[in-house]
C-alpha atoms as a PDB file:
ATOM      1  CA  UNK A   1     -19.754 -20.348  16.919  1.00  0.00           C
ATOM      2  CA  UNK A   2     -17.184 -18.810  14.582  1.00  0.00           C
ATOM      3  CA  UNK A   3     -17.784 -15.342  13.207  1.00  0.00           C
ATOM      4  CA  UNK A   4     -17.499 -15.570   9.419  1.00  0.00           C
ATOM      5  CA  UNK A   5     -16.514 -11.908   9.092  1.00  0.00           C
ATOM      6  CA  UNK A   6     -13.317 -12.121  11.125  1.00  0.00           C
ATOM      7  CA  UNK A   7     -10.774 -14.446  12.687  1.00  0.00           C
ATOM      8  CA  UNK A   8     -10.252 -14.568  16.423  1.00  0.00           C
ATOM      9  CA  UNK A   9      -6.910 -13.632  18.053  1.00  0.00           C
ATOM     10  CA  UNK A  10      -5.468 -17.186  18.264  1.00  0.00           C
ATOM     11  CA  UNK A  11      -6.198 -17.671  14.549  1.00  0.00           C
ATOM     12  CA  UNK A  12      -4.667 -14.285  13.709  1.00  0.00           C
ATOM     13  CA  UNK A  13      -1.469 -15.094  15.620  1.00  0.00           C
ATOM     14  CA  UNK A  14      -1.226 -18.512  13.996  1.00  0.00           C
ATOM     15  CA  UNK A  15      -1.805 -17.057  10.518  1.00  0.00           C
ATOM     16  CA  UNK A  16       0.761 -14.353  11.151  1.00  0.00           C
ATOM     17  CA  UNK A  17       3.397 -16.910  12.118  1.00  0.00           C
ATOM     18  CA  UNK A  18       2.772 -18.924   8.951  1.00  0.00           C
ATOM     19  CA  UNK A  19       3.102 -15.761   6.881  1.00  0.00           C
ATOM     20  CA  UNK A  20       6.366 -15.003   8.686  1.00  0.00           C
ATOM     21  CA  UNK A  21       7.771 -18.378   7.633  1.00  0.00           C
ATOM     22  CA  UNK A  22       7.109 -17.313   4.040  1.00  0.00           C
ATOM     23  CA  UNK A  23       8.681 -13.945   4.748  1.00  0.00           C
ATOM     24  CA  UNK A  24      12.030 -15.277   5.976  1.00  0.00           C
ATOM     25  CA  UNK A  25      12.193 -17.570   2.922  1.00  0.00           C
ATOM     26  CA  UNK A  26      11.349 -14.806   0.457  1.00  0.00           C
ATOM     27  CA  UNK A  27      13.819 -14.241  -2.431  1.00  0.00           C
ATOM     28  CA  UNK A  28      16.110 -11.282  -1.762  1.00  0.00           C
ATOM     29  CA  UNK A  29      15.119  -9.204  -4.801  1.00  0.00           C
ATOM     30  CA  UNK A  30      11.416  -9.586  -4.076  1.00  0.00           C
ATOM     31  CA  UNK A  31      11.960  -8.553  -0.461  1.00  0.00           C
ATOM     32  CA  UNK A  32      13.877  -5.446  -1.542  1.00  0.00           C
ATOM     33  CA  UNK A  33      11.218  -4.420  -4.046  1.00  0.00           C
ATOM     34  CA  UNK A  34       8.409  -4.934  -1.533  1.00  0.00           C
ATOM     35  CA  UNK A  35      10.407  -2.943   1.028  1.00  0.00           C
ATOM     36  CA  UNK A  36      10.836  -0.071  -1.425  1.00  0.00           C
ATOM     37  CA  UNK A  37       7.111  -0.210  -2.165  1.00  0.00           C
ATOM     38  CA  UNK A  38       6.267   0.062   1.531  1.00  0.00           C
ATOM     39  CA  UNK A  39       8.641   2.998   2.027  1.00  0.00           C
ATOM     40  CA  UNK A  40       7.051   4.772  -0.926  1.00  0.00           C
ATOM     41  CA  UNK A  41       3.512   4.179   0.315  1.00  0.00           C
ATOM     42  CA  UNK A  42       4.180   5.350   3.873  1.00  0.00           C
ATOM     43  CA  UNK A  43       5.996   8.410   2.510  1.00  0.00           C
ATOM     44  CA  UNK A  44       3.073   9.134   0.214  1.00  0.00           C
ATOM     45  CA  UNK A  45       0.668   9.084   3.153  1.00  0.00           C
ATOM     46  CA  UNK A  46       3.030  11.297   5.152  1.00  0.00           C
ATOM     47  CA  UNK A  47       3.348  13.823   2.322  1.00  0.00           C
ATOM     48  CA  UNK A  48      -0.413  13.988   1.838  1.00  0.00           C
ATOM     49  CA  UNK A  49      -1.009  14.461   5.568  1.00  0.00           C
ATOM     50  CA  UNK A  50       1.448  17.369   5.608  1.00  0.00           C
ATOM     51  CA  UNK A  51      -0.514  19.067   2.840  1.00  0.00           C
ATOM     52  CA  UNK A  52      -3.700  18.635   4.853  1.00  0.00           C
ATOM     53  CA  UNK A  53      -2.145  19.982   8.068  1.00  0.00           C
ATOM     54  CA  UNK A  54       0.227  22.742   7.003  1.00  0.00           C
ATOM     55  CA  UNK A  55      -2.076  25.786   7.196  1.00  0.00           C
ATOM     56  CA  UNK A  56      -4.027  24.792  10.333  1.00  0.00           C
ATOM     57  CA  UNK A  57      -2.824  26.545  13.488  1.00  0.00           C
ATOM     58  CA  UNK A  58      -4.872  24.468  15.953  1.00  0.00           C
ATOM     59  CA  UNK A  59      -2.585  21.523  16.791  1.00  0.00           C
ATOM     60  CA  UNK A  60      -5.357  19.117  17.763  1.00  0.00           C
ATOM     61  CA  UNK A  61      -7.391  19.823  14.645  1.00  0.00           C
ATOM     62  CA  UNK A  62      -4.315  19.606  12.417  1.00  0.00           C
ATOM     63  CA  UNK A  63      -3.311  16.240  13.868  1.00  0.00           C
ATOM     64  CA  UNK A  64      -6.841  14.928  13.568  1.00  0.00           C
ATOM     65  CA  UNK A  65      -6.932  15.841   9.890  1.00  0.00           C
ATOM     66  CA  UNK A  66      -3.475  14.357   9.380  1.00  0.00           C
ATOM     67  CA  UNK A  67      -4.638  11.200  11.144  1.00  0.00           C
ATOM     68  CA  UNK A  68      -7.508  10.874   8.696  1.00  0.00           C
ATOM     69  CA  UNK A  69      -5.150  11.047   5.697  1.00  0.00           C
ATOM     70  CA  UNK A  70      -2.017   9.205   6.859  1.00  0.00           C
ATOM     71  CA  UNK A  71      -3.533   5.664   7.125  1.00  0.00           C
ATOM     72  CA  UNK A  72      -3.743   5.435   3.332  1.00  0.00           C
ATOM     73  CA  UNK A  73      -0.066   4.406   3.339  1.00  0.00           C
ATOM     74  CA  UNK A  74      -0.633   1.223   5.336  1.00  0.00           C
ATOM     75  CA  UNK A  75      -3.816   0.496   3.383  1.00  0.00           C
ATOM     76  CA  UNK A  76      -1.821   0.564   0.139  1.00  0.00           C
ATOM     77  CA  UNK A  77       0.716  -1.835   1.644  1.00  0.00           C
ATOM     78  CA  UNK A  78      -1.964  -4.274   2.806  1.00  0.00           C
ATOM     79  CA  UNK A  79      -3.930  -4.236  -0.452  1.00  0.00           C
ATOM     80  CA  UNK A  80      -1.149  -3.911  -3.038  1.00  0.00           C
ATOM     81  CA  UNK A  81       1.821  -5.411  -1.236  1.00  0.00           C
ATOM     82  CA  UNK A  82       4.836  -4.249   0.716  1.00  0.00           C
ATOM     83  CA  UNK A  83       7.220  -5.141   3.503  1.00  0.00           C
ATOM     84  CA  UNK A  84       7.161  -2.566   6.292  1.00  0.00           C
ATOM     85  CA  UNK A  85       9.846  -2.618   8.995  1.00  0.00           C
ATOM     86  CA  UNK A  86       7.507  -1.747  11.847  1.00  0.00           C
ATOM     87  CA  UNK A  87       4.984  -4.437  10.933  1.00  0.00           C
ATOM     88  CA  UNK A  88       7.775  -6.943  10.397  1.00  0.00           C
ATOM     89  CA  UNK A  89       8.763  -6.572  14.050  1.00  0.00           C
ATOM     90  CA  UNK A  90       6.037  -9.195  14.550  1.00  0.00           C
ATOM     91  CA  UNK A  91       8.576 -11.686  13.191  1.00  0.00           C
ATOM     92  CA  UNK A  92       9.341 -12.199  16.861  1.00  0.00           C
ATOM     93  CA  UNK A  93       6.261 -14.451  17.016  1.00  0.00           C
ATOM     94  CA  UNK A  94       7.727 -17.025  14.623  1.00  0.00           C
ATOM     95  CA  UNK A  95      11.097 -16.865  16.334  1.00  0.00           C
ATOM     96  CA  UNK A  96       9.562 -17.561  19.751  1.00  0.00           C
ATOM     97  CA  UNK A  97       7.604 -20.414  18.184  1.00  0.00           C
ATOM     98  CA  UNK A  98      10.928 -21.824  16.882  1.00  0.00           C
ATOM     99  CA  UNK A  99       9.964 -21.629  13.195  1.00  0.00           C
ATOM    100  CA  UNK A 100      13.262 -19.967  12.224  1.00  0.00           C
ATOM    101  CA  UNK A 101      16.511 -18.689  13.723  1.00  0.00           C
ATOM    102  CA  UNK A 102      17.167 -15.203  15.042  1.00  0.00           C
ATOM    103  CA  UNK A 103      19.619 -14.625  12.172  1.00  0.00           C
ATOM    104  CA  UNK A 104      16.794 -15.135   9.662  1.00  0.00           C
ATOM    105  CA  UNK A 105      14.651 -12.587  11.500  1.00  0.00           C
ATOM    106  CA  UNK A 106      17.466 -10.035  11.652  1.00  0.00           C
ATOM    107  CA  UNK A 107      18.222 -10.506   7.950  1.00  0.00           C
ATOM    108  CA  UNK A 108      14.636  -9.639   7.018  1.00  0.00           C
ATOM    109  CA  UNK A 109      14.528  -6.611   9.311  1.00  0.00           C
ATOM    110  CA  UNK A 110      17.813  -5.192   7.994  1.00  0.00           C
ATOM    111  CA  UNK A 111      16.914  -5.695   4.330  1.00  0.00           C
ATOM    112  CA  UNK A 112      13.420  -4.283   4.783  1.00  0.00           C
ATOM    113  CA  UNK A 113      14.673  -1.298   6.802  1.00  0.00           C
ATOM    114  CA  UNK A 114      17.176  -0.267   4.139  1.00  0.00           C
ATOM    115  CA  UNK A 115      14.604  -0.853   1.387  1.00  0.00           C
ATOM    116  CA  UNK A 116      12.009   1.253   3.239  1.00  0.00           C
ATOM    117  CA  UNK A 117      14.610   4.030   3.488  1.00  0.00           C
ATOM    118  CA  UNK A 118      15.233   3.924  -0.260  1.00  0.00           C
ATOM    119  CA  UNK A 119      11.521   4.058  -1.071  1.00  0.00           C
ATOM    120  CA  UNK A 120      10.762   6.873   1.366  1.00  0.00           C
ATOM    121  CA  UNK A 121      13.679   9.003   0.186  1.00  0.00           C
ATOM    122  CA  UNK A 122      12.672   8.559  -3.453  1.00  0.00           C
ATOM    123  CA  UNK A 123       9.264  10.018  -2.617  1.00  0.00           C
ATOM    124  CA  UNK A 124      10.833  12.818  -0.529  1.00  0.00           C
ATOM    125  CA  UNK A 125      13.012  13.788  -3.481  1.00  0.00           C
ATOM    126  CA  UNK A 126      10.162  13.592  -5.996  1.00  0.00           C
ATOM    127  CA  UNK A 127       7.843  15.671  -3.816  1.00  0.00           C
ATOM    128  CA  UNK A 128      10.532  18.317  -3.346  1.00  0.00           C
ATOM    129  CA  UNK A 129      11.053  18.486  -7.113  1.00  0.00           C
ATOM    130  CA  UNK A 130       7.310  18.553  -7.853  1.00  0.00           C
ATOM    131  CA  UNK A 131       6.840  22.128  -6.617  1.00  0.00           C
ATOM    132  CA  UNK A 132       4.367  21.016  -3.964  1.00  0.00           C
ATOM    133  CA  UNK A 133       6.191  22.930  -1.229  1.00  0.00           C
ATOM    134  CA  UNK A 134       5.130  26.163  -2.946  1.00  0.00           C
ATOM    135  CA  UNK A 135       1.577  25.663  -1.651  1.00  0.00           C
ATOM    136  CA  UNK A 136       0.283  28.649   0.325  1.00  0.00           C
ATOM    137  CA  UNK A 137       3.145  30.825  -0.902  1.00  0.00           C
ATOM    138  CA  UNK A 138       5.800  28.453   0.407  1.00  0.00           C
ATOM    139  CA  UNK A 139       4.127  27.767   3.749  1.00  0.00           C
ATOM    140  CA  UNK A 140       4.089  24.014   3.050  1.00  0.00           C
ATOM    141  CA  UNK A 141       7.868  24.137   2.540  1.00  0.00           C
ATOM    142  CA  UNK A 142       8.265  26.027   5.820  1.00  0.00           C
ATOM    143  CA  UNK A 143       5.968  23.565   7.592  1.00  0.00           C
ATOM    144  CA  UNK A 144       8.027  20.671   6.214  1.00  0.00           C
ATOM    145  CA  UNK A 145      11.123  22.210   7.817  1.00  0.00           C
ATOM    146  CA  UNK A 146       9.198  22.700  11.072  1.00  0.00           C
ATOM    147  CA  UNK A 147       8.140  19.048  11.209  1.00  0.00           C
ATOM    148  CA  UNK A 148      11.702  17.862  10.598  1.00  0.00           C
ATOM    149  CA  UNK A 149      13.032  20.212  13.284  1.00  0.00           C
ATOM    150  CA  UNK A 150      10.608  18.848  15.842  1.00  0.00           C
ATOM    151  CA  UNK A 151      11.797  15.314  15.134  1.00  0.00           C
ATOM    152  CA  UNK A 152      15.563  15.897  15.209  1.00  0.00           C
ATOM    153  CA  UNK A 153      15.300  17.993  18.395  1.00  0.00           C
ATOM    154  CA  UNK A 154      13.685  15.265  20.497  1.00  0.00           C
ATOM    155  CA  UNK A 155      15.719  13.779  23.337  1.00  0.00           C
ATOM    156  CA  UNK A 156      16.734  10.122  23.065  1.00  0.00           C
ATOM    157  CA  UNK A 157      14.254   9.130  25.771  1.00  0.00           C
ATOM    158  CA  UNK A 158      11.364  11.003  24.174  1.00  0.00           C
ATOM    159  CA  UNK A 159      12.034   9.555  20.727  1.00  0.00           C
ATOM    160  CA  UNK A 160      12.500   6.040  22.137  1.00  0.00           C
ATOM    161  CA  UNK A 161       9.289   6.036  24.189  1.00  0.00           C
ATOM    162  CA  UNK A 162       7.342   7.671  21.370  1.00  0.00           C
ATOM    163  CA  UNK A 163       8.618   4.922  19.052  1.00  0.00           C
ATOM    164  CA  UNK A 164       7.373   2.267  21.476  1.00  0.00           C
ATOM    165  CA  UNK A 165       3.899   3.788  21.563  1.00  0.00           C
ATOM    166  CA  UNK A 166       3.781   4.156  17.796  1.00  0.00           C
ATOM    167  CA  UNK A 167       4.494   0.531  17.000  1.00  0.00           C
ATOM    168  CA  UNK A 168       1.981  -0.761  19.506  1.00  0.00           C
ATOM    169  CA  UNK A 169      -0.659   0.922  17.359  1.00  0.00           C
ATOM    170  CA  UNK A 170       0.916  -0.049  14.008  1.00  0.00           C
ATOM    171  CA  UNK A 171       1.267  -3.738  14.917  1.00  0.00           C
ATOM    172  CA  UNK A 172      -2.268  -3.711  16.297  1.00  0.00           C
ATOM    173  CA  UNK A 173      -3.461  -2.319  12.953  1.00  0.00           C
ATOM    174  CA  UNK A 174      -1.578  -5.032  11.042  1.00  0.00           C
ATOM    175  CA  UNK A 175      -3.083  -7.793  13.178  1.00  0.00           C
ATOM    176  CA  UNK A 176      -6.572  -6.303  13.096  1.00  0.00           C
ATOM    177  CA  UNK A 177      -6.406  -6.047   9.304  1.00  0.00           C
ATOM    178  CA  UNK A 178      -5.404  -9.707   9.192  1.00  0.00           C
ATOM    179  CA  UNK A 179      -8.409 -10.566  11.373  1.00  0.00           C
ATOM    180  CA  UNK A 180     -10.878  -8.949   8.962  1.00  0.00           C
ATOM    181  CA  UNK A 181     -11.984 -11.019   5.986  1.00  0.00           C
ATOM    182  CA  UNK A 182     -13.252  -8.314   3.628  1.00  0.00           C
ATOM    183  CA  UNK A 183     -11.795  -5.074   2.291  1.00  0.00           C
ATOM    184  CA  UNK A 184     -14.165  -2.811   4.210  1.00  0.00           C
ATOM    185  CA  UNK A 185     -13.269  -4.526   7.473  1.00  0.00           C
ATOM    186  CA  UNK A 186      -9.557  -4.248   6.736  1.00  0.00           C
ATOM    187  CA  UNK A 187      -9.883  -0.538   5.905  1.00  0.00           C
ATOM    188  CA  UNK A 188     -11.522   0.284   9.228  1.00  0.00           C
ATOM    189  CA  UNK A 189      -9.166  -2.034  11.125  1.00  0.00           C
ATOM    190  CA  UNK A 190      -6.216  -0.085   9.743  1.00  0.00           C
ATOM    191  CA  UNK A 191      -7.778   3.359   9.941  1.00  0.00           C
ATOM    192  CA  UNK A 192      -8.488   3.787  13.637  1.00  0.00           C
ATOM    193  CA  UNK A 193      -5.195   2.552  15.200  1.00  0.00           C
ATOM    194  CA  UNK A 194      -3.106   4.483  12.661  1.00  0.00           C
ATOM    195  CA  UNK A 195      -5.217   7.591  13.137  1.00  0.00           C
ATOM    196  CA  UNK A 196      -4.703   7.265  16.908  1.00  0.00           C
ATOM    197  CA  UNK A 197      -0.902   7.135  16.637  1.00  0.00           C
ATOM    198  CA  UNK A 198      -0.795  10.117  14.250  1.00  0.00           C
ATOM    199  CA  UNK A 199      -3.129  12.218  16.405  1.00  0.00           C
ATOM    200  CA  UNK A 200      -1.016  11.330  19.440  1.00  0.00           C
ATOM    201  CA  UNK A 201       2.155  12.445  17.654  1.00  0.00           C
ATOM    202  CA  UNK A 202       4.094   9.216  18.127  1.00  0.00           C
ATOM    203  CA  UNK A 203       7.251   8.499  16.121  1.00  0.00           C
ATOM    204  CA  UNK A 204       7.388   6.017  13.220  1.00  0.00           C
ATOM    205  CA  UNK A 205      10.879   5.321  11.855  1.00  0.00           C
ATOM    206  CA  UNK A 206       9.732   4.772   8.265  1.00  0.00           C
ATOM    207  CA  UNK A 207       7.505   7.862   8.212  1.00  0.00           C
ATOM    208  CA  UNK A 208      10.501   9.823   9.498  1.00  0.00           C
ATOM    209  CA  UNK A 209      12.462   8.510   6.521  1.00  0.00           C
ATOM    210  CA  UNK A 210      10.196  10.862   4.578  1.00  0.00           C
ATOM    211  CA  UNK A 211       9.631  13.726   7.009  1.00  0.00           C
ATOM    212  CA  UNK A 212      13.264  14.508   7.844  1.00  0.00           C
ATOM    213  CA  UNK A 213      14.805  14.148   4.353  1.00  0.00           C
ATOM    214  CA  UNK A 214      11.869  16.220   3.082  1.00  0.00           C
ATOM    215  CA  UNK A 215      12.788  18.879   5.632  1.00  0.00           C
ATOM    216  CA  UNK A 216      16.431  18.743   4.515  1.00  0.00           C
ATOM    217  CA  UNK A 217      15.411  19.202   0.876  1.00  0.00           C
ATOM    218  CA  UNK A 218      13.031  22.060   1.785  1.00  0.00           C
ATOM    219  CA  UNK A 219      15.719  23.783   3.855  1.00  0.00           C
ATOM    220  CA  UNK A 220      17.905  23.869   0.747  1.00  0.00           C
ATOM    221  CA  UNK A 221      15.425  26.313  -0.786  1.00  0.00           C
ATOM    222  CA  UNK A 222      15.979  29.898   0.418  1.00  0.00           C
ATOM    223  CA  UNK A 223      12.295  30.775   0.025  1.00  0.00           C
ATOM    224  CA  UNK A 224      11.114  27.992   2.328  1.00  0.00           C
ATOM    225  CA  UNK A 225      13.865  28.656   4.879  1.00  0.00           C
ATOM    226  CA  UNK A 226      12.965  32.362   4.953  1.00  0.00           C
ATOM    227  CA  UNK A 227       9.271  31.557   5.321  1.00  0.00           C
ATOM    228  CA  UNK A 228      10.047  29.182   8.210  1.00  0.00           C
ATOM    229  CA  UNK A 229      12.093  31.906   9.913  1.00  0.00           C
ATOM    230  CA  UNK A 230       9.309  34.445   9.477  1.00  0.00           C
ATOM    231  CA  UNK A 231       6.406  32.120  10.297  1.00  0.00           C
ATOM    232  CA  UNK A 232       7.832  30.198  13.243  1.00  0.00           C
ATOM    233  CA  UNK A 233      10.570  32.513  14.524  1.00  0.00           C
ATOM    234  CA  UNK A 234      13.421  30.099  13.784  1.00  0.00           C
ATOM    235  CA  UNK A 235      16.953  31.359  13.303  1.00  0.00           C
ATOM    236  CA  UNK A 236      19.046  29.889  10.531  1.00  0.00           C
ATOM    237  CA  UNK A 237      21.368  28.453  13.158  1.00  0.00           C
ATOM    238  CA  UNK A 238      18.455  26.617  14.769  1.00  0.00           C
ATOM    239  CA  UNK A 239      17.336  25.227  11.411  1.00  0.00           C
ATOM    240  CA  UNK A 240      20.854  23.986  10.651  1.00  0.00           C
ATOM    241  CA  UNK A 241      20.208  20.895  12.818  1.00  0.00           C
ATOM    242  CA  UNK A 242      17.939  19.598  10.076  1.00  0.00           C
ATOM    243  CA  UNK A 243      20.679  17.565   8.419  1.00  0.00           C
ATOM    244  CA  UNK A 244      21.645  13.963   7.701  1.00  0.00           C
ATOM    245  CA  UNK A 245      23.719  13.576  10.867  1.00  0.00           C
ATOM    246  CA  UNK A 246      20.845  14.542  13.158  1.00  0.00           C
ATOM    247  CA  UNK A 247      18.435  12.493  11.060  1.00  0.00           C
ATOM    248  CA  UNK A 248      20.333   9.290  11.793  1.00  0.00           C
ATOM    249  CA  UNK A 249      21.604   9.987  15.313  1.00  0.00           C
ATOM    250  CA  UNK A 250      18.783  11.987  16.925  1.00  0.00           C
ATOM    251  CA  UNK A 251      15.829  10.337  15.185  1.00  0.00           C
ATOM    252  CA  UNK A 252      16.517   7.093  13.341  1.00  0.00           C
ATOM    253  CA  UNK A 253      18.409   5.302  16.130  1.00  0.00           C
ATOM    254  CA  UNK A 254      16.109   5.991  19.114  1.00  0.00           C
ATOM    255  CA  UNK A 255      12.860   5.794  17.147  1.00  0.00           C
ATOM    256  CA  UNK A 256      13.854   2.544  15.453  1.00  0.00           C
ATOM    257  CA  UNK A 257      14.840   1.000  18.791  1.00  0.00           C
ATOM    258  CA  UNK A 258      11.543   2.155  20.263  1.00  0.00           C
ATOM    259  CA  UNK A 259       9.591   0.733  17.337  1.00  0.00           C
ATOM    260  CA  UNK A 260      11.370  -2.606  17.812  1.00  0.00           C
ATOM    261  CA  UNK A 261      10.561  -2.719  21.521  1.00  0.00           C
ATOM    262  CA  UNK A 262       6.962  -1.649  20.927  1.00  0.00           C
ATOM    263  CA  UNK A 263       6.319  -4.206  18.189  1.00  0.00           C
ATOM    264  CA  UNK A 264       8.317  -7.124  19.545  1.00  0.00           C
ATOM    265  CA  UNK A 265       7.953  -6.860  23.308  1.00  0.00           C
ATOM    266  CA  UNK A 266       4.749  -4.941  23.908  1.00  0.00           C
ATOM    267  CA  UNK A 267       2.788  -6.700  21.155  1.00  0.00           C
ATOM    268  CA  UNK A 268       4.532  -9.841  19.848  1.00  0.00           C
ATOM    269  CA  UNK A 269       5.856 -11.381  23.062  1.00  0.00           C
ATOM    270  CA  UNK A 270       2.724 -10.603  25.058  1.00  0.00           C
ATOM    271  CA  UNK A 271       0.484 -11.991  22.313  1.00  0.00           C
ATOM    272  CA  UNK A 272       2.481 -15.207  22.249  1.00  0.00           C
ATOM    273  CA  UNK A 273       2.273 -15.552  26.021  1.00  0.00           C
ATOM    274  CA  UNK A 274      -1.508 -15.226  25.777  1.00  0.00           C
ATOM    275  CA  UNK A 275      -2.248 -17.298  22.671  1.00  0.00           C
ATOM    276  CA  UNK A 276       0.882 -19.367  22.006  1.00  0.00           C
ATOM    277  CA  UNK A 277      -0.547 -22.523  23.573  1.00  0.00           C
ATOM    278  CA  UNK A 278      -3.504 -22.348  21.137  1.00  0.00           C
ATOM    279  CA  UNK A 279      -1.315 -22.373  18.016  1.00  0.00           C
ATOM    280  CA  UNK A 280      -1.489 -25.473  15.838  1.00  0.00           C
ATOM    281  CA  UNK A 281       2.084 -26.329  14.936  1.00  0.00           C
ATOM    282  CA  UNK A 282       1.698 -26.882  11.219  1.00  0.00           C
ATOM    283  CA  UNK A 283       5.035 -26.317   9.476  1.00  0.00           C
ATOM    284  CA  UNK A 284       3.497 -25.902   6.001  1.00  0.00           C
ATOM    285  CA  UNK A 285       4.121 -22.320   4.794  1.00  0.00           C
ATOM    286  CA  UNK A 286       1.055 -20.246   3.990  1.00  0.00           C
ATOM    287  CA  UNK A 287       2.065 -19.933   0.315  1.00  0.00           C
ATOM    288  CA  UNK A 288       2.098 -23.714  -0.127  1.00  0.00           C
ATOM    289  CA  UNK A 289      -1.306 -23.993   1.494  1.00  0.00           C
ATOM    290  CA  UNK A 290      -2.706 -21.521  -1.025  1.00  0.00           C
ATOM    291  CA  UNK A 291      -1.168 -23.469  -3.903  1.00  0.00           C
ATOM    292  CA  UNK A 292      -2.672 -26.676  -2.569  1.00  0.00           C
ATOM    293  CA  UNK A 293      -6.115 -25.116  -2.605  1.00  0.00           C
END
C-alpha cells in the first residue's frame, strides 16, 4: 500500500528525470536567474553559519552549530526556487535514460555553475560591506580569513575526496526532499543530510564561492588581517595565499570535480542501476503534466 506522505525511491527517480527534461529545455535567462538565486541562498546560509561558529573554540560544537544553520540555504532553494550546480549533477539520470544528449546536460551545468558563482559573490561582497565582520571586535573577519585559508591550503586529493563526500549528502537531501509531500517533511529531509556534511567538514563548490571570496574581502581589511594574525598565529605571508588564483586552482577545480563524481557516479548512476528498470518511460515533461491538470 502506498504511503500518502512520501514517494518511494523508484517514483522519486522517475519524477527527478521528468524534472530534468524541463531543466534542459529551460529558457536561458530563467536558468541564469535561478542559478543566481541559488548561489545567493547558499551563500546566505554559509554567512549565517560563520556568524554562529566564529567565537566557539570547540571544533565539534562549532561545526554542529554551523550544521544547524547552514541547511537554510537549500531550504530556500527548494521552497522559493533556484538551480544549484551540485543538485543538478543528478542530470546524469536523464542522460542515462536517453532523455537528452550529453551536450544539453553540460550546457545546464556550465550555465548554472557560473550563475551560482555570480550569486554567491554578490552576497560575499554585500556581507563584507555590511560591517558584519566587525562582530566580536573583528573576530568574525579574522575567522572568515581562517576558513578561506583552510580551503585554499587543501591538497588536490583532499579537496577532491571531500567534494565527493559532500555531494553524496547534498544529492541525497535533494532526492529526500522530493520524496516528501509536505513542507515539514521536506524541511527535515533537507536538514539532516546537509547538517551531516557540514559537521563532517566536506567541501561544497558553491558554498566555497562564498567562503573564499569572503576571506579575500576580509583580508583586504587591516583590522581583520591583524586579528587573524594575533588570534590564530598566521603570518601575513601565510595569509597571502587567500587570493583569486588559489581560489580557482586549489579549491574550485578539485572540489567541483569531486562534487561531480559524488553526485553523478556515487548517487545518480547507482540509483539508476537500482531503479532504472522501474521507470515508466513517459516523455511528457513535468511542466506539461501540471498544465494538463
